[in-house]
Amino acid sequence: MKTFTEKDIIERLKKHFPEPWIDLNFENPYQLVVATILAAQTTDKKVNEITPTFFQKFPDPKSVADANLEEIESIIKSVNYYKRKAKLIKECCQKVVKDFGGKIPDTMEELVKLPGIGRKTASVILVNAFNKPAIVVDTHVRRVATQRLKISNGKTPEKIEKDLAKFFSKENWIYISKALVLFGRYICTAKNPNCKQCYLSDICPYEKKNL
């Protein structure tokens, strides 16, 4: 059973990440949409290496929508599944131009209609590009929420998202979504979690702490 409160977790997370960030580089919602599609099964570091060239060539959704697929592929070919990603990025931008006047929409309902954008990616865009409350459930958040802090016993991202949305108040969703991703990525890692340096270890119910 949980013996901690929302406040306990946030206070401790803020010692690690007073101002959490996202590891993908972007300057506007369009750039983050492209970066998140590229980042599937590819490191953020690799994505950040190719996006400057991409955005120089394609500064907005319309330029991508009008581009040849081969042009897009040639710039992103160093990422995994580049052919599929090129197709998704082009289709996504075509839909943005056709249905949203060339602007990335800023609601969950509209974002998930875009090719290549699932609920997790939509949450990332809402939180980081629009500063709107949403709960991001990536592999890191999933591990922290279920195996480590045991806030959720959900087996699906949807169930974990609901449990986190219930546990954390809405005004904290933006902070939590950013901080939990970083916490899972850099401290509460899948192998050999850094429990000795973790400010949450005193309240964490995880049975196999690496102390």
N, C-alpha and C. Protein backbone atom coordinates (compact mmCIF):
# COMPACT_ATOMS: atom_id res chain seq x y z
N MET A 1 0.84 -1.22 0.00
CA MET A 1 0.00 0.00 0.00
C MET A 1 0.87 1.26 0.00
N LYS A 2 0.39 2.30 -0.69
CA LYS A 2 1.13 3.57 -0.71
C LYS A 2 1.05 4.24 0.66
N THR A 3 2.17 4.71 1.12
CA THR A 3 2.16 5.44 2.39
C THR A 3 2.61 6.88 2.18
N PHE A 4 2.66 7.28 0.91
CA PHE A 4 3.11 8.64 0.62
C PHE A 4 2.00 9.41 -0.08
N THR A 5 2.19 10.72 -0.13
CA THR A 5 1.20 11.59 -0.77
C THR A 5 1.79 12.19 -2.05
N GLU A 6 0.95 12.82 -2.81
CA GLU A 6 1.39 13.56 -3.99
C GLU A 6 2.49 14.57 -3.62
N LYS A 7 2.25 15.28 -2.52
CA LYS A 7 3.19 16.30 -2.06
C LYS A 7 4.56 15.69 -1.75
N ASP A 8 4.57 14.51 -1.11
CA ASP A 8 5.83 13.81 -0.79
C ASP A 8 6.65 13.58 -2.07
N ILE A 9 5.99 13.10 -3.11
CA ILE A 9 6.69 12.77 -4.35
C ILE A 9 7.20 14.03 -5.04
N ILE A 10 6.34 15.03 -5.14
CA ILE A 10 6.73 16.25 -5.86
C ILE A 10 7.88 16.97 -5.14
N GLU A 11 7.80 17.06 -3.83
CA GLU A 11 8.89 17.71 -3.06
C GLU A 11 10.22 17.04 -3.34
N ARG A 12 10.22 15.72 -3.37
CA ARG A 12 11.47 14.98 -3.58
C ARG A 12 11.93 15.07 -5.04
N LEU A 13 10.99 14.96 -5.97
CA LEU A 13 11.36 15.08 -7.38
C LEU A 13 11.97 16.45 -7.67
N LYS A 14 11.46 17.48 -6.99
CA LYS A 14 11.97 18.84 -7.24
C LYS A 14 13.41 19.01 -6.76
N LYS A 15 13.85 18.15 -5.85
CA LYS A 15 15.27 18.18 -5.45
C LYS A 15 16.14 17.68 -6.61
N HIS A 16 15.62 16.73 -7.37
CA HIS A 16 16.34 16.23 -8.54
C HIS A 16 16.16 17.17 -9.74
N PHE A 17 14.92 17.57 -9.99
CA PHE A 17 14.59 18.31 -11.21
C PHE A 17 13.71 19.52 -10.87
N PRO A 18 14.34 20.61 -10.37
CA PRO A 18 13.55 21.79 -10.04
C PRO A 18 12.85 22.37 -11.27
N GLU A 19 13.52 22.30 -12.41
CA GLU A 19 12.92 22.79 -13.66
C GLU A 19 13.14 21.75 -14.75
N PRO A 20 12.27 20.73 -14.80
CA PRO A 20 12.49 19.63 -15.74
C PRO A 20 12.38 20.08 -17.19
N TRP A 21 13.04 19.35 -18.07
CA TRP A 21 13.14 19.70 -19.48
C TRP A 21 12.78 18.47 -20.31
N ILE A 22 12.77 18.65 -21.62
CA ILE A 22 12.64 17.51 -22.54
C ILE A 22 13.95 17.42 -23.32
N ASP A 23 14.42 16.21 -23.57
CA ASP A 23 15.72 16.03 -24.20
C ASP A 23 15.71 16.29 -25.72
N LEU A 24 14.52 16.38 -26.32
CA LEU A 24 14.43 16.70 -27.75
C LEU A 24 14.52 18.22 -27.94
N ASN A 25 15.30 18.66 -28.90
CA ASN A 25 15.41 20.09 -29.19
C ASN A 25 14.30 20.52 -30.15
N PHE A 26 13.61 21.61 -29.82
CA PHE A 26 12.56 22.12 -30.72
C PHE A 26 12.31 23.59 -30.39
N GLU A 27 11.75 24.30 -31.36
CA GLU A 27 11.45 25.73 -31.16
C GLU A 27 9.96 26.04 -31.27
N ASN A 28 9.18 25.10 -31.79
CA ASN A 28 7.74 25.33 -31.94
C ASN A 28 7.01 23.98 -32.01
N PRO A 29 5.69 23.98 -31.94
CA PRO A 29 4.94 22.72 -31.93
C PRO A 29 5.21 21.83 -33.15
N TYR A 30 5.32 22.43 -34.33
CA TYR A 30 5.61 21.64 -35.54
C TYR A 30 6.92 20.87 -35.38
N GLN A 31 7.95 21.55 -34.88
CA GLN A 31 9.25 20.89 -34.72
C GLN A 31 9.18 19.75 -33.71
N LEU A 32 8.39 19.93 -32.66
CA LEU A 32 8.29 18.84 -31.67
C LEU A 32 7.52 17.65 -32.23
N VAL A 33 6.50 17.92 -33.04
CA VAL A 33 5.77 16.82 -33.69
C VAL A 33 6.72 15.97 -34.53
N VAL A 34 7.51 16.62 -35.36
CA VAL A 34 8.47 15.89 -36.21
C VAL A 34 9.48 15.13 -35.34
N ALA A 35 10.02 15.80 -34.33
CA ALA A 35 11.03 15.18 -33.47
C ALA A 35 10.48 13.96 -32.73
N THR A 36 9.23 14.04 -32.27
CA THR A 36 8.67 12.90 -31.52
C THR A 36 8.40 11.71 -32.44
N ILE A 37 7.99 11.98 -33.67
CA ILE A 37 7.80 10.86 -34.62
C ILE A 37 9.16 10.21 -34.92
N LEU A 38 10.19 11.03 -35.10
CA LEU A 38 11.53 10.49 -35.37
C LEU A 38 12.09 9.72 -34.18
N ALA A 39 11.67 10.10 -32.96
CA ALA A 39 12.30 9.55 -31.75
C ALA A 39 11.84 8.14 -31.39
N ALA A 40 10.82 7.62 -32.05
CA ALA A 40 10.38 6.26 -31.75
C ALA A 40 11.51 5.27 -32.04
N GLN A 41 11.89 4.51 -31.02
CA GLN A 41 12.97 3.51 -31.12
C GLN A 41 14.28 4.09 -31.69
N THR A 42 14.52 5.34 -31.36
CA THR A 42 15.76 6.03 -31.74
C THR A 42 16.12 6.95 -30.58
N THR A 43 17.39 7.16 -30.33
CA THR A 43 17.76 8.02 -29.19
C THR A 43 17.45 9.49 -29.51
N ASP A 44 17.14 10.24 -28.46
CA ASP A 44 16.91 11.68 -28.62
C ASP A 44 18.17 12.36 -29.16
N LYS A 45 19.32 11.86 -28.76
CA LYS A 45 20.60 12.43 -29.23
C LYS A 45 20.70 12.33 -30.76
N LYS A 46 20.36 11.18 -31.28
CA LYS A 46 20.40 10.97 -32.74
C LYS A 46 19.41 11.89 -33.44
N VAL A 47 18.21 12.01 -32.87
CA VAL A 47 17.18 12.90 -33.45
C VAL A 47 17.68 14.34 -33.48
N ASN A 48 18.28 14.77 -32.37
CA ASN A 48 18.78 16.16 -32.28
C ASN A 48 19.91 16.43 -33.27
N GLU A 49 20.58 15.38 -33.72
CA GLU A 49 21.66 15.56 -34.71
C GLU A 49 21.10 15.87 -36.09
N ILE A 50 19.92 15.30 -36.41
CA ILE A 50 19.42 15.47 -37.78
C ILE A 50 18.34 16.55 -37.92
N THR A 51 17.68 16.92 -36.83
CA THR A 51 16.58 17.88 -36.97
C THR A 51 17.02 19.28 -37.45
N PRO A 52 18.19 19.81 -37.07
CA PRO A 52 18.55 21.13 -37.59
C PRO A 52 18.56 21.18 -39.12
N THR A 53 19.12 20.14 -39.75
CA THR A 53 19.14 20.07 -41.22
C THR A 53 17.71 19.94 -41.75
N PHE A 54 16.93 19.11 -41.08
CA PHE A 54 15.55 18.88 -41.52
C PHE A 54 14.75 20.18 -41.50
N PHE A 55 14.86 20.93 -40.40
CA PHE A 55 14.04 22.14 -40.26
C PHE A 55 14.55 23.30 -41.13
N GLN A 56 15.81 23.23 -41.48
CA GLN A 56 16.34 24.22 -42.41
C GLN A 56 15.72 23.99 -43.80
N LYS A 57 15.63 22.71 -44.15
CA LYS A 57 15.06 22.34 -45.45
C LYS A 57 13.53 22.46 -45.45
N PHE A 58 12.92 22.07 -44.33
CA PHE A 58 11.45 22.07 -44.21
C PHE A 58 11.03 22.90 -43.00
N PRO A 59 10.86 24.21 -43.16
CA PRO A 59 10.61 25.08 -41.99
C PRO A 59 9.19 25.01 -41.42
N ASP A 60 8.26 24.37 -42.16
CA ASP A 60 6.87 24.34 -41.68
C ASP A 60 6.15 23.13 -42.27
N PRO A 61 4.94 22.83 -41.78
CA PRO A 61 4.21 21.66 -42.28
C PRO A 61 3.97 21.68 -43.79
N LYS A 62 3.70 22.84 -44.35
CA LYS A 62 3.41 22.90 -45.80
C LYS A 62 4.60 22.46 -46.63
N SER A 63 5.81 22.87 -46.21
CA SER A 63 7.01 22.47 -46.97
C SER A 63 7.20 20.96 -46.95
N VAL A 64 6.81 20.31 -45.85
CA VAL A 64 6.89 18.84 -45.77
C VAL A 64 5.79 18.22 -46.62
N ALA A 65 4.59 18.76 -46.50
CA ALA A 65 3.45 18.23 -47.26
C ALA A 65 3.72 18.24 -48.76
N ASP A 66 4.44 19.26 -49.24
CA ASP A 66 4.73 19.40 -50.67
C ASP A 66 5.99 18.66 -51.12
N ALA A 67 6.74 18.13 -50.17
CA ALA A 67 8.05 17.52 -50.50
C ALA A 67 7.90 16.13 -51.09
N ASN A 68 8.93 15.70 -51.84
CA ASN A 68 9.01 14.30 -52.28
C ASN A 68 9.42 13.45 -51.08
N LEU A 69 8.87 12.25 -51.02
CA LEU A 69 9.21 11.31 -49.94
C LEU A 69 10.72 11.06 -49.92
N GLU A 70 11.32 10.95 -51.11
CA GLU A 70 12.77 10.66 -51.19
C GLU A 70 13.61 11.78 -50.55
N GLU A 71 13.13 13.01 -50.71
CA GLU A 71 13.83 14.16 -50.10
C GLU A 71 13.83 14.03 -48.58
N ILE A 72 12.67 13.67 -48.03
CA ILE A 72 12.55 13.52 -46.57
C ILE A 72 13.43 12.36 -46.10
N GLU A 73 13.34 11.23 -46.83
CA GLU A 73 14.12 10.04 -46.46
C GLU A 73 15.61 10.33 -46.45
N SER A 74 16.08 11.10 -47.42
CA SER A 74 17.53 11.34 -47.53
C SER A 74 18.08 12.08 -46.30
N ILE A 75 17.24 12.91 -45.67
CA ILE A 75 17.71 13.65 -44.49
C ILE A 75 17.63 12.81 -43.22
N ILE A 76 16.63 11.91 -43.15
CA ILE A 76 16.42 11.17 -41.88
C ILE A 76 16.91 9.72 -41.94
N LYS A 77 17.66 9.38 -42.99
CA LYS A 77 17.99 7.95 -43.18
C LYS A 77 18.86 7.34 -42.09
N SER A 78 19.45 8.16 -41.22
CA SER A 78 20.27 7.59 -40.14
C SER A 78 19.44 7.15 -38.93
N VAL A 79 18.12 7.38 -38.93
CA VAL A 79 17.29 6.90 -37.81
C VAL A 79 16.66 5.56 -38.16
N ASN A 80 16.31 4.80 -37.14
CA ASN A 80 15.63 3.51 -37.36
C ASN A 80 14.29 3.73 -38.06
N TYR A 81 13.94 2.78 -38.95
CA TYR A 81 12.64 2.79 -39.64
C TYR A 81 12.39 4.11 -40.38
N TYR A 82 13.45 4.62 -41.02
CA TYR A 82 13.36 5.97 -41.61
C TYR A 82 12.32 6.05 -42.72
N LYS A 83 12.12 4.95 -43.48
CA LYS A 83 11.14 5.00 -44.57
C LYS A 83 9.72 5.15 -44.03
N ARG A 84 9.41 4.38 -43.00
CA ARG A 84 8.08 4.49 -42.39
C ARG A 84 7.89 5.87 -41.75
N LYS A 85 8.93 6.34 -41.08
CA LYS A 85 8.83 7.65 -40.40
C LYS A 85 8.68 8.80 -41.42
N ALA A 86 9.37 8.70 -42.54
CA ALA A 86 9.25 9.72 -43.58
C ALA A 86 7.81 9.79 -44.08
N LYS A 87 7.22 8.60 -44.28
CA LYS A 87 5.83 8.53 -44.76
C LYS A 87 4.88 9.14 -43.72
N LEU A 88 5.09 8.79 -42.45
CA LEU A 88 4.23 9.32 -41.38
C LEU A 88 4.35 10.84 -41.24
N ILE A 89 5.59 11.34 -41.31
CA ILE A 89 5.81 12.79 -41.17
C ILE A 89 5.12 13.54 -42.33
N LYS A 90 5.25 12.99 -43.53
CA LYS A 90 4.61 13.63 -44.69
C LYS A 90 3.09 13.61 -44.55
N GLU A 91 2.54 12.44 -44.20
CA GLU A 91 1.08 12.31 -44.05
C GLU A 91 0.56 13.20 -42.92
N CYS A 92 1.31 13.26 -41.84
CA CYS A 92 0.94 14.10 -40.70
C CYS A 92 0.86 15.57 -41.13
N CYS A 93 1.90 16.02 -41.83
CA CYS A 93 1.93 17.42 -42.25
C CYS A 93 0.86 17.72 -43.30
N GLN A 94 0.57 16.75 -44.15
CA GLN A 94 -0.52 16.95 -45.13
C GLN A 94 -1.86 17.16 -44.41
N LYS A 95 -2.08 16.37 -43.37
CA LYS A 95 -3.33 16.50 -42.61
C LYS A 95 -3.38 17.84 -41.86
N VAL A 96 -2.23 18.24 -41.31
CA VAL A 96 -2.16 19.54 -40.61
C VAL A 96 -2.52 20.68 -41.57
N VAL A 97 -1.99 20.61 -42.78
CA VAL A 97 -2.27 21.65 -43.78
C VAL A 97 -3.74 21.59 -44.21
N LYS A 98 -4.23 20.39 -44.49
CA LYS A 98 -5.59 20.23 -45.03
C LYS A 98 -6.67 20.53 -43.98
N ASP A 99 -6.48 19.98 -42.76
CA ASP A 99 -7.56 20.06 -41.76
C ASP A 99 -7.37 21.14 -40.70
N PHE A 100 -6.14 21.62 -40.52
CA PHE A 100 -5.88 22.55 -39.42
C PHE A 100 -5.19 23.84 -39.88
N GLY A 101 -5.30 24.15 -41.16
CA GLY A 101 -4.77 25.41 -41.68
C GLY A 101 -3.27 25.57 -41.51
N GLY A 102 -2.55 24.44 -41.47
CA GLY A 102 -1.10 24.50 -41.37
C GLY A 102 -0.56 24.68 -39.95
N LYS A 103 -1.47 24.69 -38.97
CA LYS A 103 -1.04 24.84 -37.56
C LYS A 103 -1.26 23.54 -36.81
N ILE A 104 -0.31 23.19 -35.96
CA ILE A 104 -0.46 21.99 -35.13
C ILE A 104 -1.59 22.24 -34.13
N PRO A 105 -2.59 21.33 -34.08
CA PRO A 105 -3.68 21.53 -33.11
C PRO A 105 -3.20 21.36 -31.68
N ASP A 106 -3.98 21.91 -30.73
CA ASP A 106 -3.53 21.88 -29.33
C ASP A 106 -4.52 21.20 -28.39
N THR A 107 -5.26 20.19 -28.92
CA THR A 107 -6.11 19.38 -28.05
C THR A 107 -5.78 17.90 -28.28
N MET A 108 -5.99 17.09 -27.28
CA MET A 108 -5.76 15.64 -27.38
C MET A 108 -6.59 15.05 -28.52
N GLU A 109 -7.88 15.44 -28.57
CA GLU A 109 -8.80 14.87 -29.55
C GLU A 109 -8.31 15.11 -30.98
N GLU A 110 -7.77 16.30 -31.23
CA GLU A 110 -7.31 16.62 -32.59
C GLU A 110 -5.92 16.05 -32.86
N LEU A 111 -5.04 16.09 -31.89
CA LEU A 111 -3.68 15.59 -32.09
C LEU A 111 -3.66 14.11 -32.46
N VAL A 112 -4.51 13.31 -31.79
CA VAL A 112 -4.47 11.86 -32.07
C VAL A 112 -5.05 11.51 -33.44
N LYS A 113 -5.64 12.48 -34.12
CA LYS A 113 -6.12 12.25 -35.49
C LYS A 113 -4.98 12.33 -36.50
N LEU A 114 -3.84 12.87 -36.07
CA LEU A 114 -2.71 13.03 -36.99
C LEU A 114 -1.94 11.71 -37.14
N PRO A 115 -1.60 11.32 -38.37
CA PRO A 115 -0.79 10.11 -38.57
C PRO A 115 0.51 10.19 -37.76
N GLY A 116 0.86 9.09 -37.11
CA GLY A 116 2.10 9.03 -36.34
C GLY A 116 1.99 9.55 -34.92
N ILE A 117 0.81 10.09 -34.55
CA ILE A 117 0.64 10.66 -33.20
C ILE A 117 -0.35 9.83 -32.41
N GLY A 118 0.17 9.07 -31.46
CA GLY A 118 -0.69 8.33 -30.53
C GLY A 118 -0.92 9.16 -29.28
N ARG A 119 -1.56 8.56 -28.32
CA ARG A 119 -1.92 9.30 -27.11
C ARG A 119 -0.68 9.78 -26.33
N LYS A 120 0.33 8.91 -26.25
CA LYS A 120 1.55 9.29 -25.51
C LYS A 120 2.23 10.50 -26.16
N THR A 121 2.39 10.43 -27.49
CA THR A 121 3.03 11.52 -28.21
C THR A 121 2.22 12.80 -28.10
N ALA A 122 0.89 12.66 -28.21
CA ALA A 122 0.01 13.83 -28.07
C ALA A 122 0.21 14.49 -26.70
N SER A 123 0.34 13.66 -25.65
CA SER A 123 0.58 14.21 -24.31
C SER A 123 1.91 14.94 -24.23
N VAL A 124 2.94 14.38 -24.85
CA VAL A 124 4.26 15.03 -24.89
C VAL A 124 4.15 16.40 -25.54
N ILE A 125 3.40 16.48 -26.64
CA ILE A 125 3.25 17.75 -27.38
C ILE A 125 2.45 18.75 -26.55
N LEU A 126 1.35 18.30 -25.95
CA LEU A 126 0.52 19.20 -25.13
C LEU A 126 1.34 19.81 -23.99
N VAL A 127 2.08 18.94 -23.29
CA VAL A 127 2.84 19.38 -22.11
C VAL A 127 4.00 20.30 -22.50
N ASN A 128 4.77 19.88 -23.50
CA ASN A 128 6.03 20.56 -23.79
C ASN A 128 5.92 21.70 -24.81
N ALA A 129 5.00 21.59 -25.76
CA ALA A 129 4.88 22.63 -26.78
C ALA A 129 3.81 23.66 -26.44
N PHE A 130 2.75 23.20 -25.74
CA PHE A 130 1.63 24.10 -25.46
C PHE A 130 1.44 24.42 -23.97
N ASN A 131 2.28 23.79 -23.13
CA ASN A 131 2.16 24.01 -21.68
C ASN A 131 0.75 23.73 -21.17
N LYS A 132 0.17 22.65 -21.69
CA LYS A 132 -1.19 22.26 -21.30
C LYS A 132 -1.12 20.95 -20.50
N PRO A 133 -1.96 20.80 -19.48
CA PRO A 133 -1.88 19.60 -18.64
C PRO A 133 -2.24 18.32 -19.38
N ALA A 134 -1.37 17.33 -19.25
CA ALA A 134 -1.60 15.98 -19.77
C ALA A 134 -0.66 15.06 -19.02
N ILE A 135 -0.92 13.77 -19.09
CA ILE A 135 -0.06 12.79 -18.42
C ILE A 135 0.67 11.98 -19.48
N VAL A 136 1.99 12.07 -19.47
CA VAL A 136 2.81 11.31 -20.41
C VAL A 136 3.13 9.95 -19.80
N VAL A 137 2.82 8.88 -20.53
CA VAL A 137 3.19 7.53 -20.06
C VAL A 137 4.10 6.90 -21.10
N ASP A 138 5.41 7.08 -20.92
CA ASP A 138 6.38 6.39 -21.77
C ASP A 138 6.94 5.20 -20.99
N THR A 139 7.96 4.54 -21.53
CA THR A 139 8.49 3.35 -20.85
C THR A 139 9.05 3.69 -19.47
N HIS A 140 9.64 4.87 -19.34
CA HIS A 140 10.23 5.27 -18.05
C HIS A 140 9.14 5.52 -17.01
N VAL A 141 8.12 6.26 -17.40
CA VAL A 141 7.02 6.57 -16.47
C VAL A 141 6.29 5.29 -16.09
N ARG A 142 6.11 4.42 -17.05
CA ARG A 142 5.44 3.13 -16.80
C ARG A 142 6.16 2.34 -15.70
N ARG A 143 7.48 2.24 -15.84
CA ARG A 143 8.29 1.51 -14.85
C ARG A 143 8.21 2.16 -13.47
N VAL A 144 8.37 3.47 -13.42
CA VAL A 144 8.35 4.19 -12.14
C VAL A 144 6.98 4.06 -11.47
N ALA A 145 5.92 4.22 -12.26
CA ALA A 145 4.56 4.24 -11.70
C ALA A 145 4.09 2.86 -11.24
N THR A 146 4.52 1.80 -11.94
CA THR A 146 4.00 0.45 -11.62
C THR A 146 4.97 -0.37 -10.77
N GLN A 147 6.21 -0.54 -11.24
CA GLN A 147 7.14 -1.44 -10.53
C GLN A 147 7.79 -0.78 -9.32
N ARG A 148 8.06 0.52 -9.41
CA ARG A 148 8.87 1.16 -8.37
C ARG A 148 8.01 1.85 -7.31
N LEU A 149 7.27 2.89 -7.69
CA LEU A 149 6.45 3.61 -6.70
C LEU A 149 5.09 2.94 -6.46
N LYS A 150 4.70 2.07 -7.40
CA LYS A 150 3.44 1.31 -7.27
C LYS A 150 2.22 2.21 -7.10
N ILE A 151 2.20 3.30 -7.83
CA ILE A 151 1.03 4.18 -7.85
C ILE A 151 -0.07 3.54 -8.69
N SER A 152 0.33 2.70 -9.63
CA SER A 152 -0.63 2.03 -10.51
C SER A 152 -0.28 0.56 -10.63
N ASN A 153 -1.31 -0.28 -10.77
CA ASN A 153 -1.04 -1.68 -11.11
C ASN A 153 -1.52 -1.96 -12.53
N GLY A 154 -1.67 -0.87 -13.30
CA GLY A 154 -2.16 -0.98 -14.68
C GLY A 154 -1.21 -1.73 -15.58
N LYS A 155 -1.78 -2.47 -16.51
CA LYS A 155 -0.99 -3.21 -17.50
C LYS A 155 -0.94 -2.45 -18.83
N THR A 156 -1.80 -1.45 -19.00
CA THR A 156 -1.82 -0.69 -20.25
C THR A 156 -1.48 0.78 -19.97
N PRO A 157 -0.93 1.47 -20.96
CA PRO A 157 -0.64 2.90 -20.77
C PRO A 157 -1.90 3.69 -20.39
N GLU A 158 -3.04 3.31 -20.95
CA GLU A 158 -4.30 4.02 -20.66
C GLU A 158 -4.66 3.92 -19.19
N LYS A 159 -4.54 2.71 -18.63
CA LYS A 159 -4.88 2.51 -17.22
C LYS A 159 -3.88 3.24 -16.32
N ILE A 160 -2.60 3.18 -16.66
CA ILE A 160 -1.56 3.88 -15.88
C ILE A 160 -1.82 5.38 -15.92
N GLU A 161 -2.15 5.88 -17.09
CA GLU A 161 -2.45 7.31 -17.24
C GLU A 161 -3.62 7.71 -16.32
N LYS A 162 -4.67 6.89 -16.31
CA LYS A 162 -5.83 7.19 -15.45
C LYS A 162 -5.45 7.20 -13.98
N ASP A 163 -4.64 6.22 -13.57
CA ASP A 163 -4.22 6.14 -12.16
C ASP A 163 -3.37 7.34 -11.76
N LEU A 164 -2.46 7.74 -12.64
CA LEU A 164 -1.61 8.90 -12.35
C LEU A 164 -2.45 10.19 -12.32
N ALA A 165 -3.41 10.27 -13.23
CA ALA A 165 -4.28 11.46 -13.29
C ALA A 165 -5.13 11.57 -12.03
N LYS A 166 -5.42 10.42 -11.45
CA LYS A 166 -6.21 10.42 -10.20
C LYS A 166 -5.33 10.77 -9.00
N PHE A 167 -4.10 10.28 -9.02
CA PHE A 167 -3.20 10.48 -7.87
C PHE A 167 -2.66 11.92 -7.82
N PHE A 168 -2.31 12.46 -8.98
CA PHE A 168 -1.74 13.81 -9.02
C PHE A 168 -2.81 14.82 -9.44
N SER A 169 -2.85 15.96 -8.76
CA SER A 169 -3.83 16.98 -9.13
C SER A 169 -3.44 17.63 -10.46
N LYS A 170 -4.45 18.09 -11.17
CA LYS A 170 -4.25 18.54 -12.56
C LYS A 170 -3.20 19.65 -12.69
N GLU A 171 -3.14 20.53 -11.68
CA GLU A 171 -2.16 21.63 -11.78
C GLU A 171 -0.72 21.12 -11.73
N ASN A 172 -0.53 19.86 -11.32
CA ASN A 172 0.83 19.28 -11.27
C ASN A 172 1.15 18.37 -12.45
N TRP A 173 0.20 18.16 -13.35
CA TRP A 173 0.42 17.21 -14.44
C TRP A 173 1.59 17.60 -15.34
N ILE A 174 1.73 18.89 -15.65
CA ILE A 174 2.82 19.32 -16.54
C ILE A 174 4.16 19.01 -15.88
N TYR A 175 4.30 19.39 -14.62
CA TYR A 175 5.55 19.13 -13.91
C TYR A 175 5.83 17.63 -13.83
N ILE A 176 4.83 16.87 -13.40
CA ILE A 176 5.00 15.43 -13.21
C ILE A 176 5.37 14.72 -14.51
N SER A 177 4.70 15.12 -15.59
CA SER A 177 4.98 14.48 -16.88
C SER A 177 6.43 14.69 -17.31
N LYS A 178 6.95 15.88 -17.09
CA LYS A 178 8.35 16.14 -17.45
C LYS A 178 9.31 15.46 -16.47
N ALA A 179 9.02 15.61 -15.18
CA ALA A 179 9.96 15.13 -14.15
C ALA A 179 10.03 13.60 -14.08
N LEU A 180 8.89 12.92 -14.22
CA LEU A 180 8.91 11.45 -14.12
C LEU A 180 9.66 10.81 -15.28
N VAL A 181 9.57 11.41 -16.47
CA VAL A 181 10.35 10.89 -17.61
C VAL A 181 11.84 10.98 -17.30
N LEU A 182 12.28 12.13 -16.82
CA LEU A 182 13.70 12.33 -16.50
C LEU A 182 14.13 11.44 -15.34
N PHE A 183 13.26 11.32 -14.35
CA PHE A 183 13.56 10.49 -13.18
C PHE A 183 13.77 9.03 -13.60
N GLY A 184 12.89 8.53 -14.46
CA GLY A 184 13.02 7.15 -14.94
C GLY A 184 14.21 6.95 -15.86
N ARG A 185 14.54 8.00 -16.59
CA ARG A 185 15.64 7.90 -17.56
C ARG A 185 17.01 7.98 -16.89
N TYR A 186 17.14 8.84 -15.87
CA TYR A 186 18.47 9.12 -15.32
C TYR A 186 18.70 8.59 -13.90
N ILE A 187 17.63 8.33 -13.14
CA ILE A 187 17.82 7.91 -11.74
C ILE A 187 17.21 6.53 -11.50
N CYS A 188 15.90 6.42 -11.72
CA CYS A 188 15.21 5.15 -11.47
C CYS A 188 15.25 4.29 -12.73
N THR A 189 16.47 3.96 -13.14
CA THR A 189 16.69 3.27 -14.41
C THR A 189 16.23 1.82 -14.36
N ALA A 190 16.06 1.22 -15.53
CA ALA A 190 15.55 -0.16 -15.60
C ALA A 190 16.52 -1.13 -14.92
N LYS A 191 17.80 -1.00 -15.27
CA LYS A 191 18.83 -1.85 -14.64
C LYS A 191 19.60 -0.99 -13.65
N ASN A 192 19.91 -1.56 -12.51
CA ASN A 192 20.70 -0.86 -11.48
C ASN A 192 20.20 0.56 -11.18
N PRO A 193 18.97 0.68 -10.69
CA PRO A 193 18.48 2.02 -10.34
C PRO A 193 19.40 2.68 -9.32
N ASN A 194 19.50 3.99 -9.43
CA ASN A 194 20.45 4.76 -8.62
C ASN A 194 19.84 5.12 -7.26
N CYS A 195 19.49 4.08 -6.49
CA CYS A 195 18.74 4.28 -5.24
C CYS A 195 19.53 5.07 -4.19
N LYS A 196 20.85 4.92 -4.19
CA LYS A 196 21.67 5.62 -3.18
C LYS A 196 21.59 7.13 -3.34
N GLN A 197 21.48 7.58 -4.57
CA GLN A 197 21.41 9.03 -4.82
C GLN A 197 19.97 9.54 -4.97
N CYS A 198 19.00 8.63 -4.78
CA CYS A 198 17.59 9.00 -5.05
C CYS A 198 16.92 9.62 -3.83
N TYR A 199 16.34 10.80 -4.02
CA TYR A 199 15.65 11.48 -2.92
C TYR A 199 14.30 10.85 -2.59
N LEU A 200 13.86 9.90 -3.42
CA LEU A 200 12.57 9.24 -3.15
C LEU A 200 12.75 7.90 -2.45
N SER A 201 14.00 7.48 -2.24
CA SER A 201 14.22 6.12 -1.73
C SER A 201 13.60 5.89 -0.35
N ASP A 202 13.47 6.95 0.44
CA ASP A 202 12.91 6.76 1.80
C ASP A 202 11.42 6.44 1.78
N ILE A 203 10.72 6.81 0.69
CA ILE A 203 9.27 6.52 0.63
C ILE A 203 8.94 5.47 -0.43
N CYS A 204 9.94 5.04 -1.17
CA CYS A 204 9.70 4.12 -2.30
C CYS A 204 9.49 2.69 -1.79
N PRO A 205 8.39 2.03 -2.24
CA PRO A 205 8.10 0.67 -1.76
C PRO A 205 8.81 -0.44 -2.57
N TYR A 206 9.66 -0.09 -3.49
CA TYR A 206 10.32 -1.09 -4.33
C TYR A 206 11.12 -2.06 -3.47
N GLU A 207 10.93 -3.36 -3.70
CA GLU A 207 11.51 -4.39 -2.82
C GLU A 207 13.00 -4.61 -3.07
N LYS A 208 13.48 -4.35 -4.28
CA LYS A 208 14.87 -4.69 -4.62
C LYS A 208 15.72 -3.43 -4.75
N LYS A 209 15.64 -2.56 -3.77
CA LYS A 209 16.40 -1.31 -3.84
C LYS A 209 17.89 -1.58 -3.96
N ASN A 210 18.54 -0.78 -4.77
CA ASN A 210 19.97 -0.94 -5.05
C ASN A 210 20.75 -0.05 -4.09
N LEU A 211 20.76 -0.46 -2.79
CA LEU A 211 21.41 0.40 -1.78
C LEU A 211 22.78 -0.17 -1.44
